[in-house]
Amino acid sequence: MTTYMPGAPVADAVFAGLAPRIEKLIANGRPPGLATLLVGEDDASARYVGMKHAKAASLGCHSVDVHLGDDATQADVLAAIAGLNADETVDAVLFQYPAPAHIDFEAALLTLDPDKDVDGLHPVNMGRLALSMPGPVPCTPAGIEALLAYYEVPVAGRGVCILGRGATLGRPLALLLSQKRATANAAVTVVHTGVADWPEYTRRADIVIAAAGVPGILAPEHLTPGVVVVGGGVRYEGRTLLPDVDEACEAVAGAITPRVGGVGPTTIAMLFQNLVQIAERRAE
């Protein structure tokens, strides 16, 4: 029988652990401060940002919402980031992707204080991850590690195949799961759609993590019965969620994340874990 691995219980456990740490920061007169920077009018991004502010409020965190319109210039974005870098009430900043096409997102990200980078995507923080140094860790990869640990999926010494090499998920996840740690220490293989025989790699893996952002790319014929499957990559068409993992994979997998409510809740939990860790370091 297939075991399902929803993300909500994992997130609940993370938030339960964060609660006393947040209370301590509040008692010391310095609640964790999260700022979001949204450029443009993308509905999905606006919903995502709104969720972050609602969660921050429920946890007792301070939050700042900066929203620039579609007509914002690169200079406007850089000025907004500079203001958040300088704001002492802001511990961490979420620069929401995507931005309008005329905004150079990567160039703007480079101006963000890496110690306030709640997503862990600044090149400095990616370098810290590669060197196993302390710093904000990309949220979805960290959430996947936490999810596997919560459901007691053995990772150390096992074969993990990541389908996808993107900078926000596949690449940092490979770095994270290959590190020497009880919940990692895996033999990690990264494949992508440019590898003609990529299913040969997924069929050999103990754990397959779909991170390609290609709807339905991972199908039952790409798996060995009993494998653990994590759906990390998604794409949206309007409000419709299109996951990388074909639903028919449930019949083959020994354990699998659900189509909805799998990695998403853990990603949010890891964002707030980063926020609290950053706030604690800044309060020292």
C-alpha atoms as a PDB file:
ATOM      1  CA  MET A   1       0.000   0.000   0.000  1.00  0.00           C
ATOM      2  CA  THR A   2       1.244   3.477  -0.873  1.00  0.00           C
ATOM      3  CA  THR A   3       2.086   5.838   1.985  1.00  0.00           C
ATOM      4  CA  TYR A   4       1.120   9.470   1.421  1.00  0.00           C
ATOM      5  CA  MET A   5       3.371  12.231   2.691  1.00  0.00           C
ATOM      6  CA  PRO A   6       1.386  15.474   3.077  1.00  0.00           C
ATOM      7  CA  GLY A   7       3.336  18.576   3.985  1.00  0.00           C
ATOM      8  CA  ALA A   8       0.931  20.080   6.521  1.00  0.00           C
ATOM      9  CA  PRO A   9       1.985  17.900   9.494  1.00  0.00           C
ATOM     10  CA  VAL A  10       5.629  18.673   8.712  1.00  0.00           C
ATOM     11  CA  ALA A  11       4.915  22.400   8.615  1.00  0.00           C
ATOM     12  CA  ASP A  12       2.908  22.208  11.854  1.00  0.00           C
ATOM     13  CA  ALA A  13       5.877  20.570  13.586  1.00  0.00           C
ATOM     14  CA  VAL A  14       8.242  23.263  12.282  1.00  0.00           C
ATOM     15  CA  PHE A  15       5.952  26.086  13.422  1.00  0.00           C
ATOM     16  CA  ALA A  16       5.541  24.458  16.834  1.00  0.00           C
ATOM     17  CA  GLY A  17       9.313  24.532  17.203  1.00  0.00           C
ATOM     18  CA  LEU A  18       9.514  28.146  16.058  1.00  0.00           C
ATOM     19  CA  ALA A  19       6.801  29.441  18.431  1.00  0.00           C
ATOM     20  CA  PRO A  20       8.912  29.679  21.616  1.00  0.00           C
ATOM     21  CA  ARG A  21      11.800  31.214  19.680  1.00  0.00           C
ATOM     22  CA  ILE A  22       9.495  33.874  18.262  1.00  0.00           C
ATOM     23  CA  GLU A  23       8.042  34.510  21.734  1.00  0.00           C
ATOM     24  CA  LYS A  24      11.545  35.057  23.099  1.00  0.00           C
ATOM     25  CA  LEU A  25      12.359  37.573  20.356  1.00  0.00           C
ATOM     26  CA  ILE A  26       9.080  39.402  21.006  1.00  0.00           C
ATOM     27  CA  ALA A  27       9.739  39.431  24.770  1.00  0.00           C
ATOM     28  CA  ASN A  28      13.101  41.062  24.066  1.00  0.00           C
ATOM     29  CA  GLY A  29      11.345  43.806  22.120  1.00  0.00           C
ATOM     30  CA  ARG A  30      12.383  42.628  18.691  1.00  0.00           C
ATOM     31  CA  PRO A  31       9.746  40.588  16.840  1.00  0.00           C
ATOM     32  CA  PRO A  32      11.037  38.944  13.644  1.00  0.00           C
ATOM     33  CA  GLY A  33      10.478  41.319  10.741  1.00  0.00           C
ATOM     34  CA  LEU A  34       9.627  40.027   7.262  1.00  0.00           C
ATOM     35  CA  ALA A  35       9.392  42.328   4.242  1.00  0.00           C
ATOM     36  CA  THR A  36       8.045  41.403   0.826  1.00  0.00           C
ATOM     37  CA  LEU A  37       8.787  43.197  -2.424  1.00  0.00           C
ATOM     38  CA  LEU A  38       6.307  42.538  -5.214  1.00  0.00           C
ATOM     39  CA  VAL A  39       6.676  44.194  -8.607  1.00  0.00           C
ATOM     40  CA  GLY A  40       3.746  44.040 -11.017  1.00  0.00           C
ATOM     41  CA  GLU A  41       0.256  42.626 -10.860  1.00  0.00           C
ATOM     42  CA  ASP A  42       0.715  38.861 -11.170  1.00  0.00           C
ATOM     43  CA  ASP A  43      -2.267  37.286  -9.366  1.00  0.00           C
ATOM     44  CA  ALA A  44      -0.452  34.134  -8.236  1.00  0.00           C
ATOM     45  CA  SER A  45       2.418  36.179  -6.813  1.00  0.00           C
ATOM     46  CA  ALA A  46       0.018  38.515  -5.040  1.00  0.00           C
ATOM     47  CA  ARG A  47      -1.751  35.541  -3.424  1.00  0.00           C
ATOM     48  CA  TYR A  48       1.580  34.044  -2.373  1.00  0.00           C
ATOM     49  CA  VAL A  49       2.707  37.312  -0.796  1.00  0.00           C
ATOM     50  CA  GLY A  50      -0.648  37.731   0.928  1.00  0.00           C
ATOM     51  CA  MET A  51      -0.301  34.280   2.481  1.00  0.00           C
ATOM     52  CA  LYS A  52       3.095  35.229   3.890  1.00  0.00           C
ATOM     53  CA  HIS A  53       1.736  38.343   5.579  1.00  0.00           C
ATOM     54  CA  ALA A  54      -1.227  36.448   7.010  1.00  0.00           C
ATOM     55  CA  LYS A  55       1.083  33.782   8.413  1.00  0.00           C
ATOM     56  CA  ALA A  56       3.465  36.401   9.799  1.00  0.00           C
ATOM     57  CA  ALA A  57       0.566  38.074  11.614  1.00  0.00           C
ATOM     58  CA  SER A  58      -0.623  34.751  13.061  1.00  0.00           C
ATOM     59  CA  LEU A  59       2.878  34.084  14.418  1.00  0.00           C
ATOM     60  CA  GLY A  60       3.267  37.540  15.941  1.00  0.00           C
ATOM     61  CA  CYS A  61       5.890  38.661  13.435  1.00  0.00           C
ATOM     62  CA  HIS A  62       6.285  42.184  12.090  1.00  0.00           C
ATOM     63  CA  SER A  63       5.767  42.480   8.329  1.00  0.00           C
ATOM     64  CA  VAL A  64       6.270  45.135   5.663  1.00  0.00           C
ATOM     65  CA  ASP A  65       4.535  44.970   2.283  1.00  0.00           C
ATOM     66  CA  VAL A  66       6.179  46.869  -0.583  1.00  0.00           C
ATOM     67  CA  HIS A  67       4.253  46.660  -3.863  1.00  0.00           C
ATOM     68  CA  LEU A  68       5.422  48.445  -7.000  1.00  0.00           C
ATOM     69  CA  GLY A  69       3.259  48.635 -10.105  1.00  0.00           C
ATOM     70  CA  ASP A  70       3.925  47.316 -13.598  1.00  0.00           C
ATOM     71  CA  ASP A  71       5.323  50.734 -14.499  1.00  0.00           C
ATOM     72  CA  ALA A  72       8.092  50.532 -11.887  1.00  0.00           C
ATOM     73  CA  THR A  73      11.581  51.069 -13.275  1.00  0.00           C
ATOM     74  CA  GLN A  74      14.772  49.219 -12.419  1.00  0.00           C
ATOM     75  CA  ALA A  75      15.796  52.270 -10.412  1.00  0.00           C
ATOM     76  CA  ASP A  76      12.526  52.080  -8.433  1.00  0.00           C
ATOM     77  CA  VAL A  77      13.204  48.426  -7.587  1.00  0.00           C
ATOM     78  CA  LEU A  78      16.794  49.118  -6.544  1.00  0.00           C
ATOM     79  CA  ALA A  79      15.633  52.010  -4.352  1.00  0.00           C
ATOM     80  CA  ALA A  80      13.032  49.766  -2.677  1.00  0.00           C
ATOM     81  CA  ILE A  81      15.642  47.105  -1.957  1.00  0.00           C
ATOM     82  CA  ALA A  82      18.058  49.700  -0.588  1.00  0.00           C
ATOM     83  CA  GLY A  83      15.339  50.938   1.751  1.00  0.00           C
ATOM     84  CA  LEU A  84      14.639  47.441   3.052  1.00  0.00           C
ATOM     85  CA  ASN A  85      18.354  46.747   3.470  1.00  0.00           C
ATOM     86  CA  ALA A  86      18.570  49.831   5.691  1.00  0.00           C
ATOM     87  CA  ASP A  87      15.339  49.212   7.651  1.00  0.00           C
ATOM     88  CA  GLU A  88      16.349  47.939  11.112  1.00  0.00           C
ATOM     89  CA  THR A  89      12.841  46.567  11.739  1.00  0.00           C
ATOM     90  CA  VAL A  90      13.249  44.230   8.753  1.00  0.00           C
ATOM     91  CA  ASP A  91      15.275  41.086   9.379  1.00  0.00           C
ATOM     92  CA  ALA A  92      14.528  39.300   6.116  1.00  0.00           C
ATOM     93  CA  VAL A  93      13.303  40.217   2.646  1.00  0.00           C
ATOM     94  CA  LEU A  94      11.313  38.175   0.136  1.00  0.00           C
ATOM     95  CA  PHE A  95      11.828  39.544  -3.395  1.00  0.00           C
ATOM     96  CA  GLN A  96       8.949  37.875  -5.206  1.00  0.00           C
ATOM     97  CA  TYR A  97       9.616  36.177  -8.535  1.00  0.00           C
ATOM     98  CA  PRO A  98       8.653  36.666 -11.332  1.00  0.00           C
ATOM     99  CA  ALA A  99       9.024  40.365 -11.965  1.00  0.00           C
ATOM    100  CA  PRO A 100       7.830  42.121 -15.147  1.00  0.00           C
ATOM    101  CA  ALA A 101       9.988  41.413 -18.195  1.00  0.00           C
ATOM    102  CA  HIS A 102      11.602  44.874 -18.199  1.00  0.00           C
ATOM    103  CA  ILE A 103      12.996  44.311 -14.671  1.00  0.00           C
ATOM    104  CA  ASP A 104      16.365  42.563 -14.390  1.00  0.00           C
ATOM    105  CA  PHE A 105      15.492  40.337 -11.441  1.00  0.00           C
ATOM    106  CA  GLU A 106      18.988  38.832 -11.052  1.00  0.00           C
ATOM    107  CA  ALA A 107      20.718  42.218 -11.095  1.00  0.00           C
ATOM    108  CA  ALA A 108      18.291  43.520  -8.486  1.00  0.00           C
ATOM    109  CA  LEU A 109      18.732  40.412  -6.319  1.00  0.00           C
ATOM    110  CA  LEU A 110      22.462  41.075  -6.214  1.00  0.00           C
ATOM    111  CA  THR A 111      21.789  44.366  -4.397  1.00  0.00           C
ATOM    112  CA  LEU A 112      19.852  42.633  -1.595  1.00  0.00           C
ATOM    113  CA  ASP A 113      21.776  42.227   1.652  1.00  0.00           C
ATOM    114  CA  PRO A 114      22.555  38.469   1.581  1.00  0.00           C
ATOM    115  CA  ASP A 115      22.066  38.300   5.352  1.00  0.00           C
ATOM    116  CA  LYS A 116      18.457  39.430   4.789  1.00  0.00           C
ATOM    117  CA  ASP A 117      17.800  37.016   1.918  1.00  0.00           C
ATOM    118  CA  VAL A 118      14.967  34.869   3.320  1.00  0.00           C
ATOM    119  CA  ASP A 119      14.795  32.727   0.161  1.00  0.00           C
ATOM    120  CA  GLY A 120      18.483  31.795   0.352  1.00  0.00           C
ATOM    121  CA  LEU A 121      18.907  32.469  -3.379  1.00  0.00           C
ATOM    122  CA  HIS A 122      21.493  35.265  -3.299  1.00  0.00           C
ATOM    123  CA  PRO A 123      24.804  34.034  -4.809  1.00  0.00           C
ATOM    124  CA  VAL A 124      26.491  34.545  -1.435  1.00  0.00           C
ATOM    125  CA  ASN A 125      24.009  32.197   0.223  1.00  0.00           C
ATOM    126  CA  MET A 126      24.261  29.650  -2.576  1.00  0.00           C
ATOM    127  CA  GLY A 127      28.024  29.730  -1.984  1.00  0.00           C
ATOM    128  CA  ARG A 128      27.496  29.251   1.734  1.00  0.00           C
ATOM    129  CA  LEU A 129      25.318  26.226   0.973  1.00  0.00           C
ATOM    130  CA  ALA A 130      27.969  24.742  -1.317  1.00  0.00           C
ATOM    131  CA  LEU A 131      30.560  25.119   1.455  1.00  0.00           C
ATOM    132  CA  SER A 132      28.223  23.923   4.259  1.00  0.00           C
ATOM    133  CA  MET A 133      28.468  27.323   5.935  1.00  0.00           C
ATOM    134  CA  PRO A 134      25.646  28.823   8.052  1.00  0.00           C
ATOM    135  CA  GLY A 135      23.158  30.951   6.168  1.00  0.00           C
ATOM    136  CA  PRO A 136      19.613  31.001   4.767  1.00  0.00           C
ATOM    137  CA  VAL A 137      18.892  27.793   2.835  1.00  0.00           C
ATOM    138  CA  PRO A 138      16.599  27.790  -0.239  1.00  0.00           C
ATOM    139  CA  CYS A 139      13.143  27.074   1.134  1.00  0.00           C
ATOM    140  CA  THR A 140      11.784  24.334  -1.121  1.00  0.00           C
ATOM    141  CA  PRO A 141      14.935  22.174  -0.920  1.00  0.00           C
ATOM    142  CA  ALA A 142      15.033  22.595   2.859  1.00  0.00           C
ATOM    143  CA  GLY A 143      11.352  21.692   3.027  1.00  0.00           C
ATOM    144  CA  ILE A 144      11.922  18.508   1.044  1.00  0.00           C
ATOM    145  CA  GLU A 145      14.707  17.417   3.402  1.00  0.00           C
ATOM    146  CA  ALA A 146      12.442  18.142   6.376  1.00  0.00           C
ATOM    147  CA  LEU A 147       9.581  16.199   4.789  1.00  0.00           C
ATOM    148  CA  LEU A 148      11.708  13.100   4.192  1.00  0.00           C
ATOM    149  CA  ALA A 149      13.017  13.288   7.756  1.00  0.00           C
ATOM    150  CA  TYR A 150       9.528  13.698   9.239  1.00  0.00           C
ATOM    151  CA  TYR A 151       8.241  10.586   7.468  1.00  0.00           C
ATOM    152  CA  GLU A 152      11.410   8.705   8.454  1.00  0.00           C
ATOM    153  CA  VAL A 153      12.450   8.013   4.877  1.00  0.00           C
ATOM    154  CA  PRO A 154      16.063   6.780   5.004  1.00  0.00           C
ATOM    155  CA  VAL A 155      18.236   9.099   2.926  1.00  0.00           C
ATOM    156  CA  ALA A 156      21.819   8.544   4.107  1.00  0.00           C
ATOM    157  CA  GLY A 157      23.707   6.272   1.760  1.00  0.00           C
ATOM    158  CA  ARG A 158      20.746   5.822  -0.581  1.00  0.00           C
ATOM    159  CA  GLY A 159      20.358   6.779  -4.212  1.00  0.00           C
ATOM    160  CA  VAL A 160      18.471  10.019  -4.809  1.00  0.00           C
ATOM    161  CA  CYS A 161      17.665  11.114  -8.350  1.00  0.00           C
ATOM    162  CA  ILE A 162      16.611  14.720  -8.867  1.00  0.00           C
ATOM    163  CA  LEU A 163      14.841  15.397 -12.152  1.00  0.00           C
ATOM    164  CA  GLY A 164      15.569  19.081 -12.772  1.00  0.00           C
ATOM    165  CA  ARG A 165      18.585  21.356 -12.356  1.00  0.00           C
ATOM    166  CA  GLY A 166      17.027  24.757 -11.704  1.00  0.00           C
ATOM    167  CA  ALA A 167      18.752  27.309  -9.497  1.00  0.00           C
ATOM    168  CA  THR A 168      15.869  27.476  -7.017  1.00  0.00           C
ATOM    169  CA  LEU A 169      15.290  23.733  -6.516  1.00  0.00           C
ATOM    170  CA  GLY A 170      17.285  21.054  -8.340  1.00  0.00           C
ATOM    171  CA  ARG A 171      20.796  22.408  -7.890  1.00  0.00           C
ATOM    172  CA  PRO A 172      20.528  23.557  -4.253  1.00  0.00           C
ATOM    173  CA  LEU A 173      18.652  20.369  -3.333  1.00  0.00           C
ATOM    174  CA  ALA A 174      21.517  18.275  -4.713  1.00  0.00           C
ATOM    175  CA  LEU A 175      23.969  20.243  -2.570  1.00  0.00           C
ATOM    176  CA  LEU A 176      21.760  19.893   0.502  1.00  0.00           C
ATOM    177  CA  LEU A 177      21.096  16.154   0.284  1.00  0.00           C
ATOM    178  CA  SER A 178      24.724  15.281  -0.437  1.00  0.00           C
ATOM    179  CA  GLN A 179      25.990  16.994   2.729  1.00  0.00           C
ATOM    180  CA  LYS A 180      27.181  14.858   5.638  1.00  0.00           C
ATOM    181  CA  ARG A 181      24.174  15.003   7.933  1.00  0.00           C
ATOM    182  CA  ALA A 182      21.851  12.355   9.383  1.00  0.00           C
ATOM    183  CA  THR A 183      18.951  13.524   7.206  1.00  0.00           C
ATOM    184  CA  ALA A 184      21.095  13.795   4.066  1.00  0.00           C
ATOM    185  CA  ASN A 185      24.415  12.125   3.109  1.00  0.00           C
ATOM    186  CA  ALA A 186      22.881  10.592  -0.027  1.00  0.00           C
ATOM    187  CA  ALA A 187      24.323   9.517  -3.359  1.00  0.00           C
ATOM    188  CA  VAL A 188      22.706  12.235  -5.477  1.00  0.00           C
ATOM    189  CA  THR A 189      22.247  12.163  -9.245  1.00  0.00           C
ATOM    190  CA  VAL A 190      20.869  15.184 -11.107  1.00  0.00           C
ATOM    191  CA  VAL A 191      19.266  14.658 -14.513  1.00  0.00           C
ATOM    192  CA  HIS A 192      17.199  16.909 -16.746  1.00  0.00           C
ATOM    193  CA  THR A 193      15.198  16.926 -19.954  1.00  0.00           C
ATOM    194  CA  GLY A 194      18.386  17.355 -21.964  1.00  0.00           C
ATOM    195  CA  VAL A 195      19.444  13.845 -20.910  1.00  0.00           C
ATOM    196  CA  ALA A 196      17.973  11.502 -23.500  1.00  0.00           C
ATOM    197  CA  ASP A 197      17.881   8.453 -21.233  1.00  0.00           C
ATOM    198  CA  TRP A 198      16.966  10.182 -17.962  1.00  0.00           C
ATOM    199  CA  PRO A 199      14.387   7.480 -17.044  1.00  0.00           C
ATOM    200  CA  GLU A 200      17.267   5.013 -16.730  1.00  0.00           C
ATOM    201  CA  TYR A 201      18.478   7.067 -13.776  1.00  0.00           C
ATOM    202  CA  THR A 202      15.091   7.491 -12.088  1.00  0.00           C
ATOM    203  CA  ARG A 203      14.435   3.745 -12.339  1.00  0.00           C
ATOM    204  CA  ARG A 204      17.641   3.019 -10.407  1.00  0.00           C
ATOM    205  CA  ALA A 205      16.912   5.463  -7.575  1.00  0.00           C
ATOM    206  CA  ASP A 206      15.551   4.771  -4.101  1.00  0.00           C
ATOM    207  CA  ILE A 207      14.116   8.299  -3.964  1.00  0.00           C
ATOM    208  CA  VAL A 208      13.009  10.349  -6.980  1.00  0.00           C
ATOM    209  CA  ILE A 209      12.389  14.074  -6.645  1.00  0.00           C
ATOM    210  CA  ALA A 210      10.655  15.767  -9.573  1.00  0.00           C
ATOM    211  CA  ALA A 211      11.883  19.343  -9.931  1.00  0.00           C
ATOM    212  CA  ALA A 212      11.593  20.066 -13.650  1.00  0.00           C
ATOM    213  CA  GLY A 213       8.529  22.312 -13.795  1.00  0.00           C
ATOM    214  CA  VAL A 214       7.151  20.188 -16.661  1.00  0.00           C
ATOM    215  CA  PRO A 215       3.609  18.962 -15.960  1.00  0.00           C
ATOM    216  CA  GLY A 216       3.283  15.183 -15.830  1.00  0.00           C
ATOM    217  CA  ILE A 217       6.885  14.521 -16.852  1.00  0.00           C
ATOM    218  CA  LEU A 218       7.373  11.766 -14.251  1.00  0.00           C
ATOM    219  CA  ALA A 219       5.183   8.778 -15.142  1.00  0.00           C
ATOM    220  CA  PRO A 220       4.854   5.245 -13.678  1.00  0.00           C
ATOM    221  CA  GLU A 221       7.088   3.706 -16.362  1.00  0.00           C
ATOM    222  CA  HIS A 222       9.943   5.904 -15.131  1.00  0.00           C
ATOM    223  CA  LEU A 223       9.895   4.326 -11.661  1.00  0.00           C
ATOM    224  CA  THR A 224      10.740   1.092  -9.896  1.00  0.00           C
ATOM    225  CA  PRO A 225       7.933  -0.262  -7.670  1.00  0.00           C
ATOM    226  CA  GLY A 226       8.292   0.840  -4.046  1.00  0.00           C
ATOM    227  CA  VAL A 227      10.298   3.977  -4.799  1.00  0.00           C
ATOM    228  CA  VAL A 228       9.781   7.154  -2.746  1.00  0.00           C
ATOM    229  CA  VAL A 229       8.496   9.998  -4.935  1.00  0.00           C
ATOM    230  CA  VAL A 230       8.512  13.695  -4.047  1.00  0.00           C
ATOM    231  CA  GLY A 231       6.813  16.186  -6.339  1.00  0.00           C
ATOM    232  CA  GLY A 232       8.719  19.435  -6.045  1.00  0.00           C
ATOM    233  CA  GLY A 233       8.187  21.019  -9.453  1.00  0.00           C
ATOM    234  CA  VAL A 234       4.904  22.609 -10.493  1.00  0.00           C
ATOM    235  CA  ARG A 235       3.539  24.959 -13.086  1.00  0.00           C
ATOM    236  CA  TYR A 236       0.407  27.066 -12.938  1.00  0.00           C
ATOM    237  CA  GLU A 237      -2.108  27.707 -15.722  1.00  0.00           C
ATOM    238  CA  GLY A 238      -4.196  30.461 -14.240  1.00  0.00           C
ATOM    239  CA  ARG A 239      -5.154  29.047 -10.832  1.00  0.00           C
ATOM    240  CA  THR A 240      -4.741  25.431 -11.911  1.00  0.00           C
ATOM    241  CA  LEU A 241      -1.787  23.610 -10.346  1.00  0.00           C
ATOM    242  CA  LEU A 242       0.024  21.292 -12.765  1.00  0.00           C
ATOM    243  CA  PRO A 243       2.533  19.072 -10.917  1.00  0.00           C
ATOM    244  CA  ASP A 244       5.524  17.293 -12.432  1.00  0.00           C
ATOM    245  CA  VAL A 245       4.363  13.922 -11.073  1.00  0.00           C
ATOM    246  CA  ASP A 246       1.633  12.096 -12.996  1.00  0.00           C
ATOM    247  CA  GLU A 247      -1.074  10.984 -10.559  1.00  0.00           C
ATOM    248  CA  ALA A 248      -0.754   7.406 -11.851  1.00  0.00           C
ATOM    249  CA  CYS A 249       2.647   7.216 -10.094  1.00  0.00           C
ATOM    250  CA  GLU A 250       0.718   6.626  -6.871  1.00  0.00           C
ATOM    251  CA  ALA A 251       0.110   3.050  -7.983  1.00  0.00           C
ATOM    252  CA  VAL A 252       3.846   2.357  -8.249  1.00  0.00           C
ATOM    253  CA  ALA A 253       5.376   4.357  -5.410  1.00  0.00           C
ATOM    254  CA  GLY A 254       5.912   3.033  -1.925  1.00  0.00           C
ATOM    255  CA  ALA A 255       5.554   6.582  -0.586  1.00  0.00           C
ATOM    256  CA  ILE A 256       4.575   9.763  -2.413  1.00  0.00           C
ATOM    257  CA  THR A 257       3.653  13.389  -1.795  1.00  0.00           C
ATOM    258  CA  PRO A 258       0.045  14.263  -2.661  1.00  0.00           C
ATOM    259  CA  ARG A 259      -0.763  16.272  -5.772  1.00  0.00           C
ATOM    260  CA  VAL A 260      -1.839  19.237  -3.612  1.00  0.00           C
ATOM    261  CA  GLY A 261      -0.459  19.975  -0.158  1.00  0.00           C
ATOM    262  CA  GLY A 262       2.846  18.160  -0.467  1.00  0.00           C
ATOM    263  CA  VAL A 263       5.955  20.311  -0.662  1.00  0.00           C
ATOM    264  CA  GLY A 264       4.052  23.637  -0.625  1.00  0.00           C
ATOM    265  CA  PRO A 265       3.386  23.811   3.141  1.00  0.00           C
ATOM    266  CA  THR A 266       6.952  22.813   3.961  1.00  0.00           C
ATOM    267  CA  THR A 267       8.319  25.559   1.714  1.00  0.00           C
ATOM    268  CA  ILE A 268       6.354  28.162   3.668  1.00  0.00           C
ATOM    269  CA  ALA A 269       7.521  26.688   6.967  1.00  0.00           C
ATOM    270  CA  MET A 270      11.154  26.849   5.881  1.00  0.00           C
ATOM    271  CA  LEU A 271      10.774  30.484   4.858  1.00  0.00           C
ATOM    272  CA  PHE A 272       9.711  31.323   8.412  1.00  0.00           C
ATOM    273  CA  GLN A 273      12.456  29.127   9.828  1.00  0.00           C
ATOM    274  CA  ASN A 274      14.936  31.206   7.818  1.00  0.00           C
ATOM    275  CA  LEU A 275      13.273  34.383   9.100  1.00  0.00           C
ATOM    276  CA  VAL A 276      13.592  33.336  12.735  1.00  0.00           C
ATOM    277  CA  GLN A 277      17.194  32.206  12.324  1.00  0.00           C
ATOM    278  CA  ILE A 278      18.098  35.509  10.669  1.00  0.00           C
ATOM    279  CA  ALA A 279      16.282  37.482  13.395  1.00  0.00           C
ATOM    280  CA  GLU A 280      18.114  35.547  16.115  1.00  0.00           C
ATOM    281  CA  ARG A 281      21.491  36.216  14.517  1.00  0.00           C
ATOM    282  CA  ARG A 282      20.719  39.919  14.163  1.00  0.00           C
ATOM    283  CA  ALA A 283      19.564  40.095  17.810  1.00  0.00           C
ATOM    284  CA  GLU A 284      22.825  38.658  19.149  1.00  0.00           C
END
